[in-house]
Amino acid sequence: MGGAGREGEIGHTLGSGAGGSPGPVPSPGVNGGTETMALQTAQPPLGSRWTSTRGSLLLLLLSLGWVLPSRAQAADSRLGVMTPWLQGTSRDLTWQWPELTVILSRDRRDTQRQKAHVVDENLVFYEEWELEACVDGALLEAQMDRVNMVPFTYQQLDVFKRKLDQLYPQGYPESLIQHLGYFFFEITPEDIHKWNVTSLETVKSLLKVSKGHKVDAQVAALIACYVAGGGQLDKATLDVLATFSPTYLCVLSPEQLGSVQHSVIWVARAQDLDACRPPQMDVLYPKARTAFQNLSGSEYFERIKPYLGGARTEDLRALSQQNVSMDTATFKTLQREAVLPLTVAEVQNLLGANLAGLKAEQGNSPVRDWILRQRQDDLDRLGLGLRGGIPNGYLVMDLSFREALSGGARLLRPGPVFTAILALLLGLIPK
C-alpha cells in the first residue's frame, strides 16, 4: 500500500487567541482542502520534565495545524478541547506562546504503509484511504483508550467510526460502549438506539465526558436506551442530567420524574414534553406549580402552559378566572377527565379571545366529548355553531354503568322521566 509522496518543509506559527491562549491555526489539507484536527481530550499523564513522547506529540500537533471545525456537530462538541491539552503538554516550555514558531521537515517520499497493530500518533500521518486499508475495527475496539489520546482529524475519526460500524452493524456491545470516552461525540442518536446498555456505570461514564458539550440528542438517546432496558437512574445520575437539555424527560418513569430538580422544570420546553404520557404529566405538573409559585398573571401562565396536561378540573377553573386566553392547541393537551366537568361559561373564560378555535376542534377529543355533555342552548349562546349538545327538553341520567355500556350519557324525554319518578315515589309510600 503506497502513500502519495509529498516533500518540503511545513512551517506553522501558533498565535495567540483571546486572552492570550493558543488560537486555531489553519493547515492545508489533502488536495488543497482543509483538515480539521479533533483532539479527543483524554490528556496523557504529565510529569515534571519534558519527554520525547510529549515533545513529539506537540510537534506533531503543530505540524498539522488547526482550524475551527467546519461541521456544526464538531463545533458544538469539541471547541475548547485543543487549548487545555496544549497548555498541559507545554507547561515546562519557557517561551511565550506568541513567539512559538516550529519549522518541521517531513519526508513525504513514497512509503509503504503497513497494517497497523497499535493505535498511536503515527496514524495521524495516514491518509483516509490508508486508514481504511491498514486499520481494522477489532484494533480500534481493543485500543479505544488510545484513540482518545491521539489528536486525530475529524475525517480520520469518521473512518474509525465506519470501521466500528462495519464490525458491529447491529449496534456496539456494552464492552465497547463503556470505553468510548470522547469518541461518544462521533456517535449519532440513531446509532445509540441500537445499543443495549444495562450498566448504570456505563451511563455515568458517558455523561461525565459529555458534560459541557452540546450532545443533548446523544444523551437523550442514551438515557432512553438504558431506561427501555429496565435500567433505573439514581439521584446522583439525575442530578448530572440536570446539566443537560431536558429532552430526556419523557423517557423517565413517574417515580424517576419525582426526583427531577426544579431547575430542569424551568428550562424544559414544550417540545421536550410532547411525548410524555398522562402518568408522567401527573408528576410534572405539581412540580411545575411549585417551581413557578412565585410568579403570577401572564408570566405564570406562560411558564405553566407546557405542563397543563397534568392539570385537574379545579386548576382549570382557577385559570378561567385569570383572563389567560388559552390557545386551542394547549386546550387539546388537557386531560379529558379534567375538561368534561367544565361549564360553557368556564370554557369561554378559559379560552377568551381564542374561543372561536373550538369550532375547528369540535370533532376531536376532548372538545367533542365536552360538547356532548353541554346543553345545546348553552352552546348556541357562544355563537360558534357548535352542534352535538344535549337537546332542549332532555334530561341527563348520569349513570356510570350505563355510560360504560353505551359510550355516553343516557338521554330521556320528559314523559318517560316523569313516569319513572312517579313510580319511584309510589314505591316509597308505606302500605
Foldseek 3Di string as FASTA:
>chain_A
DKDDFDFDKAKFAFAADPPRFTDFWWAQDPPRHTWAWAQLQPADDDDPDQDPQLVVQLLLDRRRTHDQDPDPLCNQFGPPRPRVNVCVSCVPDPDGRRPDMDMDTDGRGMDDDAADPADAQVCQPDDLVSCLVRPALVRCQVPVVRVNRHTHTPSNLVSNVVRVCVVPVQADELSSLLSNQSNLSVDALVRLLSYQDADVSSLVRNLVSRQPGQPQSSNLSNVLNHVVNVHDDDLVVLVSCLRYQLLNQQSDDLVNLLSHDLSNLQRHDLNSCPNHDQSNLLNSLVSQCVSCVVDDAQVSCVSNLSSQLNPALVVLLVLLVRQNQDAVVSVQSHDLNRQQVDALSSVCSSNPVRVLVLLVCCVDPPNVVNQQDYEPVSVVVVVNPRDNYNYPQWDWDPDPVVCVVPVHTDIDHPVVVVVVVVVVVVVPDDD
